[in-house]
Amino acid sequence: MVKRLSLGEENCPVARALDVIGDWWSLLIIRDIFDGLHRFGEIQENLGVAKGVLAARLRNLSERGVLETAPASDGTAYSEYVLTKKGRGLFLVIVALRQWGEAYLYERGEKHSLLVETATNRKVAALQLMSSDGRELTCDKTSVQKLAK
């Protein structure tokens, strides 16, 4: 088995982010917590992932400051996984992945889950990257500036 390299010291923010959340189980765990699943058993049942794999991913996400444990909201002796501020910051990442999947991975009319605004029950509008003065930006209107070390 190939040993996974750490990207935690890279000067690219994308590489560093992938070092923390770059496997599909981690992103699916985060998605499930955003969707209201907070207990180990709920997440494990929903994902169908092996308990050892789930425990390792939850431990890693907790050690990296994305998740923390809290007493169960129903007052039982269980604990729950909740997103930290850093974890809640991944909401737009999850929404962007969802919207990309909706746009490119389903046939017309094929059923899938929808992200809706709770207050209106309407589908959330597509994300757009905006300039500081409000203009829509696309990949051909942006560039990355490499900073000297």
C-alpha atoms as a PDB file:
ATOM      1  CA  MET A   1       0.000   0.000   0.000  1.00  0.00           C
ATOM      2  CA  VAL A   2       1.276   3.463  -0.889  1.00  0.00           C
ATOM      3  CA  LYS A   3       1.755   5.758   2.073  1.00  0.00           C
ATOM      4  CA  ARG A   4      -0.291   8.934   1.849  1.00  0.00           C
ATOM      5  CA  LEU A   5       1.802  12.071   1.616  1.00  0.00           C
ATOM      6  CA  SER A   6       0.924  15.083   3.737  1.00  0.00           C
ATOM      7  CA  LEU A   7       0.048  18.242   1.856  1.00  0.00           C
ATOM      8  CA  GLY A   8      -0.175  20.274   5.056  1.00  0.00           C
ATOM      9  CA  GLU A   9       2.941  22.323   4.329  1.00  0.00           C
ATOM     10  CA  GLU A  10       2.131  23.153   0.697  1.00  0.00           C
ATOM     11  CA  ASN A  11       1.834  26.797  -0.320  1.00  0.00           C
ATOM     12  CA  CYS A  12      -1.381  26.039  -2.240  1.00  0.00           C
ATOM     13  CA  PRO A  13      -4.630  26.445  -0.227  1.00  0.00           C
ATOM     14  CA  VAL A  14      -6.327  23.729  -2.312  1.00  0.00           C
ATOM     15  CA  ALA A  15      -3.592  21.219  -1.420  1.00  0.00           C
ATOM     16  CA  ARG A  16      -3.798  22.086   2.280  1.00  0.00           C
ATOM     17  CA  ALA A  17      -7.595  21.772   2.234  1.00  0.00           C
ATOM     18  CA  LEU A  18      -7.349  18.356   0.578  1.00  0.00           C
ATOM     19  CA  ASP A  19      -4.903  17.293   3.270  1.00  0.00           C
ATOM     20  CA  VAL A  20      -7.749  17.741   5.784  1.00  0.00           C
ATOM     21  CA  ILE A  21     -10.881  16.730   3.836  1.00  0.00           C
ATOM     22  CA  GLY A  22      -9.542  15.094   0.673  1.00  0.00           C
ATOM     23  CA  ASP A  23     -11.095  11.650   0.881  1.00  0.00           C
ATOM     24  CA  TRP A  24     -14.692  10.929  -0.002  1.00  0.00           C
ATOM     25  CA  TRP A  25     -15.612   9.502   3.399  1.00  0.00           C
ATOM     26  CA  SER A  26     -14.656  12.763   5.128  1.00  0.00           C
ATOM     27  CA  LEU A  27     -16.769  14.861   2.776  1.00  0.00           C
ATOM     28  CA  LEU A  28     -19.708  12.466   3.080  1.00  0.00           C
ATOM     29  CA  ILE A  29     -19.437  12.544   6.887  1.00  0.00           C
ATOM     30  CA  ILE A  30     -19.472  16.343   6.798  1.00  0.00           C
ATOM     31  CA  ARG A  31     -22.451  16.262   4.414  1.00  0.00           C
ATOM     32  CA  ASP A  32     -24.319  13.924   6.782  1.00  0.00           C
ATOM     33  CA  ILE A  33     -23.684  16.201   9.756  1.00  0.00           C
ATOM     34  CA  PHE A  34     -24.952  19.191   7.769  1.00  0.00           C
ATOM     35  CA  ASP A  35     -28.014  17.032   6.981  1.00  0.00           C
ATOM     36  CA  GLY A  36     -28.699  16.487  10.690  1.00  0.00           C
ATOM     37  CA  LEU A  37     -27.021  13.165  11.464  1.00  0.00           C
ATOM     38  CA  HIS A  38     -24.824  13.545  14.540  1.00  0.00           C
ATOM     39  CA  ARG A  39     -24.363  10.166  16.179  1.00  0.00           C
ATOM     40  CA  PHE A  40     -21.795   7.575  15.170  1.00  0.00           C
ATOM     41  CA  GLY A  41     -24.458   4.937  14.544  1.00  0.00           C
ATOM     42  CA  GLU A  42     -26.600   7.237  12.402  1.00  0.00           C
ATOM     43  CA  ILE A  43     -23.662   8.216  10.220  1.00  0.00           C
ATOM     44  CA  GLN A  44     -22.413   4.634   9.959  1.00  0.00           C
ATOM     45  CA  GLU A  45     -25.849   3.334   8.971  1.00  0.00           C
ATOM     46  CA  ASN A  46     -26.411   6.093   6.407  1.00  0.00           C
ATOM     47  CA  LEU A  47     -23.020   5.700   4.743  1.00  0.00           C
ATOM     48  CA  GLY A  48     -22.663   1.944   5.101  1.00  0.00           C
ATOM     49  CA  VAL A  49     -18.997   2.489   5.924  1.00  0.00           C
ATOM     50  CA  ALA A  50     -17.015   0.105   8.126  1.00  0.00           C
ATOM     51  CA  LYS A  51     -16.958   1.177  11.777  1.00  0.00           C
ATOM     52  CA  GLY A  52     -13.152   1.317  11.848  1.00  0.00           C
ATOM     53  CA  VAL A  53     -13.007   3.549   8.765  1.00  0.00           C
ATOM     54  CA  LEU A  54     -15.664   5.849  10.205  1.00  0.00           C
ATOM     55  CA  ALA A  55     -13.928   6.026  13.590  1.00  0.00           C
ATOM     56  CA  ALA A  56     -10.631   6.918  11.909  1.00  0.00           C
ATOM     57  CA  ARG A  57     -12.214   9.649   9.773  1.00  0.00           C
ATOM     58  CA  LEU A  58     -14.138  11.116  12.712  1.00  0.00           C
ATOM     59  CA  ARG A  59     -10.963  11.124  14.817  1.00  0.00           C
ATOM     60  CA  ASN A  60      -9.002  12.841  12.030  1.00  0.00           C
ATOM     61  CA  LEU A  61     -11.697  15.467  11.446  1.00  0.00           C
ATOM     62  CA  SER A  62     -11.846  16.121  15.195  1.00  0.00           C
ATOM     63  CA  GLU A  63      -8.055  16.378  15.498  1.00  0.00           C
ATOM     64  CA  ARG A  64      -8.024  18.806  12.548  1.00  0.00           C
ATOM     65  CA  GLY A  65     -10.632  21.038  14.205  1.00  0.00           C
ATOM     66  CA  VAL A  66     -13.469  20.344  11.737  1.00  0.00           C
ATOM     67  CA  LEU A  67     -15.631  18.415  14.231  1.00  0.00           C
ATOM     68  CA  GLU A  68     -16.006  18.228  17.967  1.00  0.00           C
ATOM     69  CA  THR A  69     -18.047  16.037  20.250  1.00  0.00           C
ATOM     70  CA  ALA A  70     -20.818  17.378  22.420  1.00  0.00           C
ATOM     71  CA  PRO A  71     -23.338  15.831  24.821  1.00  0.00           C
ATOM     72  CA  ALA A  72     -26.362  14.433  23.003  1.00  0.00           C
ATOM     73  CA  SER A  73     -29.003  17.073  22.346  1.00  0.00           C
ATOM     74  CA  ASP A  74     -31.732  14.742  23.680  1.00  0.00           C
ATOM     75  CA  GLY A  75     -30.129  14.511  27.131  1.00  0.00           C
ATOM     76  CA  THR A  76     -29.087  10.860  26.834  1.00  0.00           C
ATOM     77  CA  ALA A  77     -25.620   9.646  27.792  1.00  0.00           C
ATOM     78  CA  TYR A  78     -24.517   9.550  24.150  1.00  0.00           C
ATOM     79  CA  SER A  79     -22.290  12.109  22.505  1.00  0.00           C
ATOM     80  CA  GLU A  80     -22.779  13.697  19.112  1.00  0.00           C
ATOM     81  CA  TYR A  81     -20.483  15.052  16.444  1.00  0.00           C
ATOM     82  CA  VAL A  82     -20.981  18.705  15.642  1.00  0.00           C
ATOM     83  CA  LEU A  83     -19.261  20.983  13.183  1.00  0.00           C
ATOM     84  CA  THR A  84     -16.908  23.622  14.512  1.00  0.00           C
ATOM     85  CA  LYS A  85     -16.662  27.056  12.907  1.00  0.00           C
ATOM     86  CA  LYS A  86     -14.002  25.569  10.604  1.00  0.00           C
ATOM     87  CA  GLY A  87     -16.373  22.720   9.747  1.00  0.00           C
ATOM     88  CA  ARG A  88     -19.339  25.022   9.090  1.00  0.00           C
ATOM     89  CA  GLY A  89     -17.019  26.912   6.729  1.00  0.00           C
ATOM     90  CA  LEU A  90     -17.209  23.870   4.437  1.00  0.00           C
ATOM     91  CA  PHE A  91     -20.906  24.471   3.711  1.00  0.00           C
ATOM     92  CA  LEU A  92     -20.210  26.279   0.426  1.00  0.00           C
ATOM     93  CA  VAL A  93     -17.800  23.506  -0.596  1.00  0.00           C
ATOM     94  CA  ILE A  94     -20.514  20.887  -0.065  1.00  0.00           C
ATOM     95  CA  VAL A  95     -23.091  23.046  -1.883  1.00  0.00           C
ATOM     96  CA  ALA A  96     -20.687  23.589  -4.802  1.00  0.00           C
ATOM     97  CA  LEU A  97     -20.072  19.824  -5.088  1.00  0.00           C
ATOM     98  CA  ARG A  98     -23.820  19.180  -4.882  1.00  0.00           C
ATOM     99  CA  GLN A  99     -24.604  21.703  -7.599  1.00  0.00           C
ATOM    100  CA  TRP A 100     -21.824  20.406  -9.848  1.00  0.00           C
ATOM    101  CA  GLY A 101     -23.218  16.889  -9.409  1.00  0.00           C
ATOM    102  CA  GLU A 102     -26.742  18.077 -10.208  1.00  0.00           C
ATOM    103  CA  ALA A 103     -25.531  19.835 -13.364  1.00  0.00           C
ATOM    104  CA  TYR A 104     -23.304  17.113 -14.768  1.00  0.00           C
ATOM    105  CA  LEU A 105     -24.044  13.703 -13.259  1.00  0.00           C
ATOM    106  CA  TYR A 106     -27.796  13.219 -13.705  1.00  0.00           C
ATOM    107  CA  GLU A 107     -29.863  12.634 -16.811  1.00  0.00           C
ATOM    108  CA  ARG A 108     -32.700  15.076 -17.481  1.00  0.00           C
ATOM    109  CA  GLY A 109     -35.599  14.147 -15.206  1.00  0.00           C
ATOM    110  CA  GLU A 110     -33.544  11.747 -13.085  1.00  0.00           C
ATOM    111  CA  LYS A 111     -34.545  12.068  -9.437  1.00  0.00           C
ATOM    112  CA  HIS A 112     -32.077  13.273  -6.808  1.00  0.00           C
ATOM    113  CA  SER A 113     -32.129  15.118  -3.512  1.00  0.00           C
ATOM    114  CA  LEU A 114     -32.513  18.899  -3.564  1.00  0.00           C
ATOM    115  CA  LEU A 115     -31.086  21.623  -1.363  1.00  0.00           C
ATOM    116  CA  VAL A 116     -33.929  23.997  -0.506  1.00  0.00           C
ATOM    117  CA  GLU A 117     -34.236  27.133   1.561  1.00  0.00           C
ATOM    118  CA  THR A 118     -35.982  26.109   4.780  1.00  0.00           C
ATOM    119  CA  ALA A 119     -38.194  29.207   5.037  1.00  0.00           C
ATOM    120  CA  THR A 120     -39.601  29.014   1.478  1.00  0.00           C
ATOM    121  CA  ASN A 121     -39.002  25.357   0.496  1.00  0.00           C
ATOM    122  CA  ARG A 122     -37.585  26.686  -2.809  1.00  0.00           C
ATOM    123  CA  LYS A 123     -34.504  25.255  -4.502  1.00  0.00           C
ATOM    124  CA  VAL A 124     -31.323  27.170  -3.660  1.00  0.00           C
ATOM    125  CA  ALA A 125     -29.948  29.242  -6.545  1.00  0.00           C
ATOM    126  CA  ALA A 126     -26.703  28.198  -8.214  1.00  0.00           C
ATOM    127  CA  LEU A 127     -23.561  29.505  -6.560  1.00  0.00           C
ATOM    128  CA  GLN A 128     -21.699  32.214  -8.422  1.00  0.00           C
ATOM    129  CA  LEU A 129     -18.252  33.652  -7.830  1.00  0.00           C
ATOM    130  CA  MET A 130     -18.449  37.429  -7.603  1.00  0.00           C
ATOM    131  CA  SER A 131     -15.816  40.140  -7.832  1.00  0.00           C
ATOM    132  CA  SER A 132     -15.438  42.598  -4.982  1.00  0.00           C
ATOM    133  CA  ASP A 133     -17.614  45.057  -6.959  1.00  0.00           C
ATOM    134  CA  GLY A 134     -20.359  42.513  -7.684  1.00  0.00           C
ATOM    135  CA  ARG A 135     -19.506  41.256 -11.189  1.00  0.00           C
ATOM    136  CA  GLU A 136     -19.795  37.520 -11.903  1.00  0.00           C
ATOM    137  CA  LEU A 137     -16.413  35.859 -12.345  1.00  0.00           C
ATOM    138  CA  THR A 138     -15.607  32.731 -14.345  1.00  0.00           C
ATOM    139  CA  CYS A 139     -12.417  30.693 -14.623  1.00  0.00           C
ATOM    140  CA  ASP A 140     -11.243  32.737 -17.604  1.00  0.00           C
ATOM    141  CA  LYS A 141     -11.545  35.951 -15.574  1.00  0.00           C
ATOM    142  CA  THR A 142      -9.421  34.853 -12.613  1.00  0.00           C
ATOM    143  CA  SER A 143      -5.823  33.788 -12.028  1.00  0.00           C
ATOM    144  CA  VAL A 144      -3.704  32.598  -9.130  1.00  0.00           C
ATOM    145  CA  GLN A 145      -0.818  34.782  -7.995  1.00  0.00           C
ATOM    146  CA  LYS A 146       2.090  32.735  -6.695  1.00  0.00           C
ATOM    147  CA  LEU A 147       3.669  34.505  -3.748  1.00  0.00           C
ATOM    148  CA  ALA A 148       7.376  34.332  -3.052  1.00  0.00           C
ATOM    149  CA  LYS A 149       8.318  32.185  -0.069  1.00  0.00           C
END
